[in-house]
PDB file of N, CA and C in Angstrom:
ATOM      1  N   MET A   1      15.142  60.095  27.622  1.00  0.00           N
ATOM      2  CA  MET A   1      15.277  58.919  26.649  1.00  0.00           C
ATOM      3  C   MET A   1      13.777  58.240  26.354  1.00  0.00           C
ATOM      4  N   VAL A   2      13.630  57.954  25.325  1.00  0.00           N
ATOM      5  CA  VAL A   2      12.354  57.395  24.839  1.00  0.00           C
ATOM      6  C   VAL A   2      12.086  56.370  25.716  1.00  0.00           C
ATOM      7  N   ILE A   3      13.224  55.199  26.448  1.00  0.00           N
ATOM      8  CA  ILE A   3      12.540  54.014  26.678  1.00  0.00           C
ATOM      9  C   ILE A   3      12.485  54.363  28.248  1.00  0.00           C
ATOM     10  N   GLU A   4      12.985  55.299  28.745  1.00  0.00           N
ATOM     11  CA  GLU A   4      12.259  55.436  30.312  1.00  0.00           C
ATOM     12  C   GLU A   4      11.140  56.356  30.543  1.00  0.00           C
ATOM     13  N   LYS A   5      10.452  57.170  29.266  1.00  0.00           N
ATOM     14  CA  LYS A   5       9.444  57.185  29.227  1.00  0.00           C
ATOM     15  C   LYS A   5       8.368  56.294  28.981  1.00  0.00           C
ATOM     16  N   LEU A   6       8.648  55.489  28.103  1.00  0.00           N
ATOM     17  CA  LEU A   6       7.999  54.183  28.017  1.00  0.00           C
ATOM     18  C   LEU A   6       7.989  53.668  29.392  1.00  0.00           C
ATOM     19  N   LYS A   7       8.703  53.359  30.259  1.00  0.00           N
ATOM     20  CA  LYS A   7       8.512  52.167  31.131  1.00  0.00           C
ATOM     21  C   LYS A   7       7.780  53.199  31.838  1.00  0.00           C
ATOM     22  N   LYS A   8       7.563  54.563  32.129  1.00  0.00           N
ATOM     23  CA  LYS A   8       6.658  55.505  33.196  1.00  0.00           C
ATOM     24  C   LYS A   8       5.468  55.131  32.686  1.00  0.00           C
ATOM     25  N   ILE A   9       5.092  55.193  31.437  1.00  0.00           N
ATOM     26  CA  ILE A   9       3.839  54.880  30.768  1.00  0.00           C
ATOM     27  C   ILE A   9       3.387  53.319  31.261  1.00  0.00           C
ATOM     28  N   THR A  10       4.249  53.062  31.036  1.00  0.00           N
ATOM     29  CA  THR A  10       3.927  51.367  31.015  1.00  0.00           C
ATOM     30  C   THR A  10       3.567  50.855  32.969  1.00  0.00           C
ATOM     31  N   LYS A  11       4.514  51.397  33.270  1.00  0.00           N
ATOM     32  CA  LYS A  11       4.015  50.770  35.022  1.00  0.00           C
ATOM     33  C   LYS A  11       2.726  51.819  35.262  1.00  0.00           C
ATOM     34  N   ALA A  12       2.437  53.185  34.590  1.00  0.00           N
ATOM     35  CA  ALA A  12       1.051  53.748  35.556  1.00  0.00           C
ATOM     36  C   ALA A  12      -0.053  52.972  34.580  1.00  0.00           C
ATOM     37  N   ILE A  13      -0.141  52.341  33.456  1.00  0.00           N
ATOM     38  CA  ILE A  13      -0.598  51.572  32.743  1.00  0.00           C
ATOM     39  C   ILE A  13      -0.759  49.811  33.584  1.00  0.00           C
ATOM     40  N   MET A  14      -0.329  49.900  34.064  1.00  0.00           N
ATOM     41  CA  MET A  14      -0.452  48.021  34.869  1.00  0.00           C
ATOM     42  C   MET A  14      -0.309  48.470  36.264  1.00  0.00           C
ATOM     43  N   ALA A  15      -0.381  49.572  36.872  1.00  0.00           N
ATOM     44  CA  ALA A  15      -0.259  49.599  38.425  1.00  0.00           C
ATOM     45  C   ALA A  15      -1.086  48.522  38.920  1.00  0.00           C
ATOM     46  N   ASP A  16      -2.636  48.888  38.579  1.00  0.00           N
ATOM     47  CA  ASP A  16      -3.534  47.425  38.997  1.00  0.00           C
ATOM     48  C   ASP A  16      -3.201  46.317  38.857  1.00  0.00           C
ATOM     49  N   ALA A  17      -2.276  45.531  37.995  1.00  0.00           N
ATOM     50  CA  ALA A  17      -2.349  44.479  37.294  1.00  0.00           C
ATOM     51  C   ALA A  17      -1.425  43.480  38.354  1.00  0.00           C
ATOM     52  N   ASN A  18      -1.017  44.529  39.621  1.00  0.00           N
ATOM     53  CA  ASN A  18      -0.312  43.655  40.114  1.00  0.00           C
ATOM     54  C   ASN A  18       0.606  42.453  40.293  1.00  0.00           C
ATOM     55  N   ASN A  19       1.649  42.393  38.896  1.00  0.00           N
ATOM     56  CA  ASN A  19       2.431  41.559  37.782  1.00  0.00           C
ATOM     57  C   ASN A  19       3.142  41.244  38.674  1.00  0.00           C
ATOM     58  N   GLY A  20       4.297  41.763  39.321  1.00  0.00           N
ATOM     59  CA  GLY A  20       5.302  41.593  40.013  1.00  0.00           C
ATOM     60  C   GLY A  20       6.598  42.058  39.125  1.00  0.00           C
ATOM     61  N   ILE A  21       6.236  42.570  38.348  1.00  0.00           N
ATOM     62  CA  ILE A  21       7.239  43.029  37.162  1.00  0.00           C
ATOM     63  C   ILE A  21       8.097  44.220  37.827  1.00  0.00           C
ATOM     64  N   ASP A  22       9.417  43.783  37.616  1.00  0.00           N
ATOM     65  CA  ASP A  22      10.616  45.294  37.901  1.00  0.00           C
ATOM     66  C   ASP A  22      10.786  45.802  36.863  1.00  0.00           C
ATOM     67  N   TYR A  23       9.930  46.952  36.821  1.00  0.00           N
ATOM     68  CA  TYR A  23       9.843  47.892  34.926  1.00  0.00           C
ATOM     69  C   TYR A  23      11.672  48.400  35.630  1.00  0.00           C
ATOM     70  N   ASP A  24      12.363  48.296  36.351  1.00  0.00           N
ATOM     71  CA  ASP A  24      13.557  48.932  36.234  1.00  0.00           C
ATOM     72  C   ASP A  24      14.581  48.097  35.270  1.00  0.00           C
ATOM     73  N   LYS A  25      13.827  46.770  35.313  1.00  0.00           N
ATOM     74  CA  LYS A  25      14.500  45.917  33.870  1.00  0.00           C
ATOM     75  C   LYS A  25      14.156  45.342  32.895  1.00  0.00           C
ATOM     76  N   ILE A  26      12.950  46.294  32.260  1.00  0.00           N
ATOM     77  CA  ILE A  26      12.735  46.270  31.156  1.00  0.00           C
ATOM     78  C   ILE A  26      13.768  46.860  30.390  1.00  0.00           C
ATOM     79  N   ASP A  27      13.978  46.249  29.168  1.00  0.00           N
ATOM     80  CA  ASP A  27      15.108  46.648  28.589  1.00  0.00           C
ATOM     81  C   ASP A  27      14.280  46.656  26.988  1.00  0.00           C
ATOM     82  N   GLU A  28      14.751  47.036  25.711  1.00  0.00           N
ATOM     83  CA  GLU A  28      14.352  46.628  24.213  1.00  0.00           C
ATOM     84  C   GLU A  28      13.745  45.474  23.905  1.00  0.00           C
ATOM     85  N   SER A  29      14.713  44.658  24.637  1.00  0.00           N
ATOM     86  CA  SER A  29      14.544  42.712  24.579  1.00  0.00           C
ATOM     87  C   SER A  29      13.093  42.949  25.224  1.00  0.00           C
ATOM     88  N   SER A  30      12.258  43.111  25.984  1.00  0.00           N
ATOM     89  CA  SER A  30      11.315  42.708  26.465  1.00  0.00           C
ATOM     90  C   SER A  30      10.563  42.683  25.958  1.00  0.00           C
ATOM     91  N   ARG A  31       9.649  41.519  25.753  1.00  0.00           N
ATOM     92  CA  ARG A  31       8.789  41.327  25.019  1.00  0.00           C
ATOM     93  C   ARG A  31       7.352  42.016  25.508  1.00  0.00           C
ATOM     94  N   LEU A  32       5.828  43.016  24.766  1.00  0.00           N
ATOM     95  CA  LEU A  32       5.120  43.434  25.406  1.00  0.00           C
ATOM     96  C   LEU A  32       4.151  42.371  26.056  1.00  0.00           C
ATOM     97  N   MET A  33       3.426  41.727  25.541  1.00  0.00           N
ATOM     98  CA  MET A  33       3.007  40.610  26.371  1.00  0.00           C
ATOM     99  C   MET A  33       3.532  39.537  27.708  1.00  0.00           C
ATOM    100  N   GLU A  34       4.142  38.977  26.736  1.00  0.00           N
ATOM    101  CA  GLU A  34       5.002  37.419  27.720  1.00  0.00           C
ATOM    102  C   GLU A  34       5.603  38.066  28.778  1.00  0.00           C
ATOM    103  N   ASP A  35       6.746  39.302  28.538  1.00  0.00           N
ATOM    104  CA  ASP A  35       6.818  39.532  29.417  1.00  0.00           C
ATOM    105  C   ASP A  35       6.595  40.994  30.584  1.00  0.00           C
ATOM    106  N   ILE A  36       5.632  41.448  29.903  1.00  0.00           N
ATOM    107  CA  ILE A  36       5.219  42.526  30.535  1.00  0.00           C
ATOM    108  C   ILE A  36       3.888  42.383  31.491  1.00  0.00           C
ATOM    109  N   GLY A  37       3.215  41.489  29.902  1.00  0.00           N
ATOM    110  CA  GLY A  37       1.950  41.237  30.478  1.00  0.00           C
ATOM    111  C   GLY A  37       0.706  41.948  29.955  1.00  0.00           C
ATOM    112  N   LEU A  38       1.222  43.160  28.839  1.00  0.00           N
ATOM    113  CA  LEU A  38       0.130  43.500  28.297  1.00  0.00           C
ATOM    114  C   LEU A  38      -0.745  42.580  27.821  1.00  0.00           C
ATOM    115  N   THR A  39      -2.014  42.848  27.783  1.00  0.00           N
ATOM    116  CA  THR A  39      -3.122  42.816  26.815  1.00  0.00           C
ATOM    117  C   THR A  39      -3.734  43.472  25.690  1.00  0.00           C
ATOM    118  N   SER A  40      -4.337  43.004  24.992  1.00  0.00           N
ATOM    119  CA  SER A  40      -4.560  43.593  23.778  1.00  0.00           C
ATOM    120  C   SER A  40      -5.420  45.247  24.328  1.00  0.00           C
ATOM    121  N   ILE A  41      -6.195  45.244  25.570  1.00  0.00           N
ATOM    122  CA  ILE A  41      -6.823  46.640  26.082  1.00  0.00           C
ATOM    123  C   ILE A  41      -5.487  47.332  26.413  1.00  0.00           C
ATOM    124  N   SER A  42      -4.778  46.925  27.035  1.00  0.00           N
ATOM    125  CA  SER A  42      -3.667  47.587  28.403  1.00  0.00           C
ATOM    126  C   SER A  42      -2.307  48.238  26.990  1.00  0.00           C
ATOM    127  N   MET A  43      -2.268  47.308  25.983  1.00  0.00           N
ATOM    128  CA  MET A  43      -1.340  47.675  24.658  1.00  0.00           C
ATOM    129  C   MET A  43      -2.594  48.836  23.777  1.00  0.00           C
ATOM    130  N   LEU A  44      -3.565  49.313  23.996  1.00  0.00           N
ATOM    131  CA  LEU A  44      -4.105  50.344  23.228  1.00  0.00           C
ATOM    132  C   LEU A  44      -3.989  51.322  24.261  1.00  0.00           C
ATOM    133  N   MET A  45      -4.143  51.225  25.890  1.00  0.00           N
ATOM    134  CA  MET A  45      -3.851  52.364  26.498  1.00  0.00           C
ATOM    135  C   MET A  45      -2.481  52.791  26.322  1.00  0.00           C
ATOM    136  N   LEU A  46      -1.264  52.263  26.361  1.00  0.00           N
ATOM    137  CA  LEU A  46      -0.149  51.988  25.848  1.00  0.00           C
ATOM    138  C   LEU A  46      -0.055  53.140  25.047  1.00  0.00           C
ATOM    139  N   VAL A  47      -0.681  53.021  23.666  1.00  0.00           N
ATOM    140  CA  VAL A  47      -0.610  53.783  22.344  1.00  0.00           C
ATOM    141  C   VAL A  47      -1.164  55.218  22.630  1.00  0.00           C
ATOM    142  N   ILE A  48      -2.030  54.952  23.362  1.00  0.00           N
ATOM    143  CA  ILE A  48      -2.959  56.274  23.537  1.00  0.00           C
ATOM    144  C   ILE A  48      -1.915  57.063  24.669  1.00  0.00           C
ATOM    145  N   GLY A  49      -1.603  56.611  25.708  1.00  0.00           N
ATOM    146  CA  GLY A  49       0.230  57.288  26.769  1.00  0.00           C
ATOM    147  C   GLY A  49       0.834  57.600  25.846  1.00  0.00           C
ATOM    148  N   ILE A  50       1.065  57.027  24.905  1.00  0.00           N
ATOM    149  CA  ILE A  50       2.762  57.087  24.491  1.00  0.00           C
ATOM    150  C   ILE A  50       1.923  58.074  23.333  1.00  0.00           C
ATOM    151  N   GLU A  51       0.947  58.283  22.690  1.00  0.00           N
ATOM    152  CA  GLU A  51       0.738  59.627  22.230  1.00  0.00           C
ATOM    153  C   GLU A  51       0.760  61.056  22.354  1.00  0.00           C
ATOM    154  N   GLU A  52       0.133  60.838  23.875  1.00  0.00           N
ATOM    155  CA  GLU A  52      -0.671  61.984  24.633  1.00  0.00           C
ATOM    156  C   GLU A  52       1.377  62.343  25.324  1.00  0.00           C
ATOM    157  N   GLU A  53       2.252  61.458  25.443  1.00  0.00           N
ATOM    158  CA  GLU A  53       3.431  61.945  26.209  1.00  0.00           C
ATOM    159  C   GLU A  53       4.197  62.460  25.176  1.00  0.00           C
ATOM    160  N   PHE A  54       4.451  61.793  23.680  1.00  0.00           N
ATOM    161  CA  PHE A  54       5.061  62.436  22.950  1.00  0.00           C
ATOM    162  C   PHE A  54       4.796  63.305  21.798  1.00  0.00           C
ATOM    163  N   GLY A  55       3.216  63.552  21.754  1.00  0.00           N
ATOM    164  CA  GLY A  55       2.857  64.393  20.824  1.00  0.00           C
ATOM    165  C   GLY A  55       2.613  63.974  19.609  1.00  0.00           C
ATOM    166  N   ILE A  56       2.384  62.854  19.316  1.00  0.00           N
ATOM    167  CA  ILE A  56       3.177  62.527  18.317  1.00  0.00           C
ATOM    168  C   ILE A  56       1.352  61.040  17.697  1.00  0.00           C
ATOM    169  N   GLU A  57       0.994  60.742  16.623  1.00  0.00           N
ATOM    170  CA  GLU A  57       0.173  59.855  16.397  1.00  0.00           C
ATOM    171  C   GLU A  57       0.949  58.573  15.767  1.00  0.00           C
ATOM    172  N   LEU A  58       0.728  57.429  16.858  1.00  0.00           N
ATOM    173  CA  LEU A  58       1.571  56.109  15.625  1.00  0.00           C
ATOM    174  C   LEU A  58       0.359  55.514  14.754  1.00  0.00           C
ATOM    175  N   PRO A  59       1.246  55.232  13.986  1.00  0.00           N
ATOM    176  CA  PRO A  59       0.737  54.609  12.900  1.00  0.00           C
ATOM    177  C   PRO A  59      -0.307  53.324  13.253  1.00  0.00           C
ATOM    178  N   ILE A  60      -1.444  53.102  13.469  1.00  0.00           N
ATOM    179  CA  ILE A  60      -2.086  51.822  14.106  1.00  0.00           C
ATOM    180  C   ILE A  60      -1.319  50.377  13.395  1.00  0.00           C
ATOM    181  N   LYS A  61      -0.929  50.318  12.461  1.00  0.00           N
ATOM    182  CA  LYS A  61      -0.533  48.995  11.840  1.00  0.00           C
ATOM    183  C   LYS A  61       0.935  48.717  12.195  1.00  0.00           C
ATOM    184  N   GLU A  62       1.811  49.877  12.688  1.00  0.00           N
ATOM    185  CA  GLU A  62       3.255  49.295  12.952  1.00  0.00           C
ATOM    186  C   GLU A  62       2.838  49.762  14.372  1.00  0.00           C
ATOM    187  N   ALA A  63       2.010  49.815  15.152  1.00  0.00           N
ATOM    188  CA  ALA A  63       1.744  49.735  16.494  1.00  0.00           C
ATOM    189  C   ALA A  63       1.607  48.090  16.787  1.00  0.00           C
ATOM    190  N   SER A  64       0.389  47.918  16.282  1.00  0.00           N
ATOM    191  CA  SER A  64       0.007  46.767  16.317  1.00  0.00           C
ATOM    192  C   SER A  64       0.571  45.444  16.036  1.00  0.00           C
ATOM    193  N   ASP A  65       1.857  46.079  15.048  1.00  0.00           N
ATOM    194  CA  ASP A  65       2.924  44.822  14.710  1.00  0.00           C
ATOM    195  C   ASP A  65       4.173  44.827  15.866  1.00  0.00           C
ATOM    196  N   CYS A  66       4.348  45.987  16.831  1.00  0.00           N
ATOM    197  CA  CYS A  66       5.380  45.303  18.083  1.00  0.00           C
ATOM    198  C   CYS A  66       4.996  44.632  18.763  1.00  0.00           C
ATOM    199  N   LYS A  67       6.103  43.762  19.080  1.00  0.00           N
ATOM    200  CA  LYS A  67       6.096  42.462  19.929  1.00  0.00           C
ATOM    201  C   LYS A  67       7.170  43.251  21.098  1.00  0.00           C
ATOM    202  N   THR A  68       7.888  43.715  21.344  1.00  0.00           N
ATOM    203  CA  THR A  68       9.107  44.449  21.964  1.00  0.00           C
ATOM    204  C   THR A  68       9.055  45.965  22.432  1.00  0.00           C
ATOM    205  N   VAL A  69       9.827  45.833  23.576  1.00  0.00           N
ATOM    206  CA  VAL A  69       9.851  47.485  23.389  1.00  0.00           C
ATOM    207  C   VAL A  69      10.372  48.049  22.274  1.00  0.00           C
ATOM    208  N   GLY A  70      11.861  47.640  21.911  1.00  0.00           N
ATOM    209  CA  GLY A  70      12.471  47.656  21.152  1.00  0.00           C
ATOM    210  C   GLY A  70      11.833  48.043  20.073  1.00  0.00           C
ATOM    211  N   ASP A  71      10.675  47.635  19.382  1.00  0.00           N
ATOM    212  CA  ASP A  71      10.178  47.593  18.444  1.00  0.00           C
ATOM    213  C   ASP A  71       9.228  48.673  18.673  1.00  0.00           C
ATOM    214  N   ILE A  72       8.503  49.155  20.076  1.00  0.00           N
ATOM    215  CA  ILE A  72       7.687  50.390  19.960  1.00  0.00           C
ATOM    216  C   ILE A  72       8.434  51.168  19.982  1.00  0.00           C
ATOM    217  N   VAL A  73       9.942  51.359  20.877  1.00  0.00           N
ATOM    218  CA  VAL A  73      10.993  52.479  20.895  1.00  0.00           C
ATOM    219  C   VAL A  73      11.238  53.481  19.051  1.00  0.00           C
ATOM    220  N   ALA A  74      11.382  52.257  17.987  1.00  0.00           N
ATOM    221  CA  ALA A  74      12.011  52.196  16.964  1.00  0.00           C
ATOM    222  C   ALA A  74      10.545  53.086  16.505  1.00  0.00           C
ATOM    223  N   VAL A  75       9.546  52.646  16.425  1.00  0.00           N
ATOM    224  CA  VAL A  75       8.207  53.430  15.725  1.00  0.00           C
ATOM    225  C   VAL A  75       7.908  54.763  16.925  1.00  0.00           C
ATOM    226  N   ILE A  76       8.170  55.066  17.826  1.00  0.00           N
ATOM    227  CA  ILE A  76       7.973  56.251  18.573  1.00  0.00           C
ATOM    228  C   ILE A  76       9.138  57.178  17.889  1.00  0.00           C
ATOM    229  N   GLU A  77      10.455  56.768  17.848  1.00  0.00           N
ATOM    230  CA  GLU A  77      11.762  57.603  16.944  1.00  0.00           C
ATOM    231  C   GLU A  77      11.666  57.740  15.279  1.00  0.00           C
ATOM    232  N   LYS A  78      10.515  57.216  14.757  1.00  0.00           N
ATOM    233  CA  LYS A  78      10.385  57.426  13.908  1.00  0.00           C
ATOM    234  C   LYS A  78       9.286  58.304  13.455  1.00  0.00           C
ATOM    235  N   CYS A  79       8.756  58.194  14.419  1.00  0.00           N
ATOM    236  CA  CYS A  79       7.843  59.268  14.270  1.00  0.00           C
ATOM    237  C   CYS A  79       8.132  60.843  14.897  1.00  0.00           C
ATOM    238  N   LEU A  80       8.949  60.716  15.385  1.00  0.00           N
ATOM    239  CA  LEU A  80       9.104  62.262  16.409  1.00  0.00           C
ATOM    240  C   LEU A  80      10.257  62.843  15.231  1.00  0.00           C
TER     241      LEU A  80
END
């Protein structure tokens, strides 16, 4: 399932942030920056992690427009 892999990638990227996020509660409505705490650099790391995990290349414009987990899931599914 795409969202489970996305949670795993996000958790690995944010491991050092110690932000108290319960990654099990991340769902498609979770906002990438506000709820998860991604910065522009961690968002770039997320894109790289997604590309490696799924063996795809995310369109940079579409990826940069993503605001929620659901948005990024839709882009991933479109690329699969």
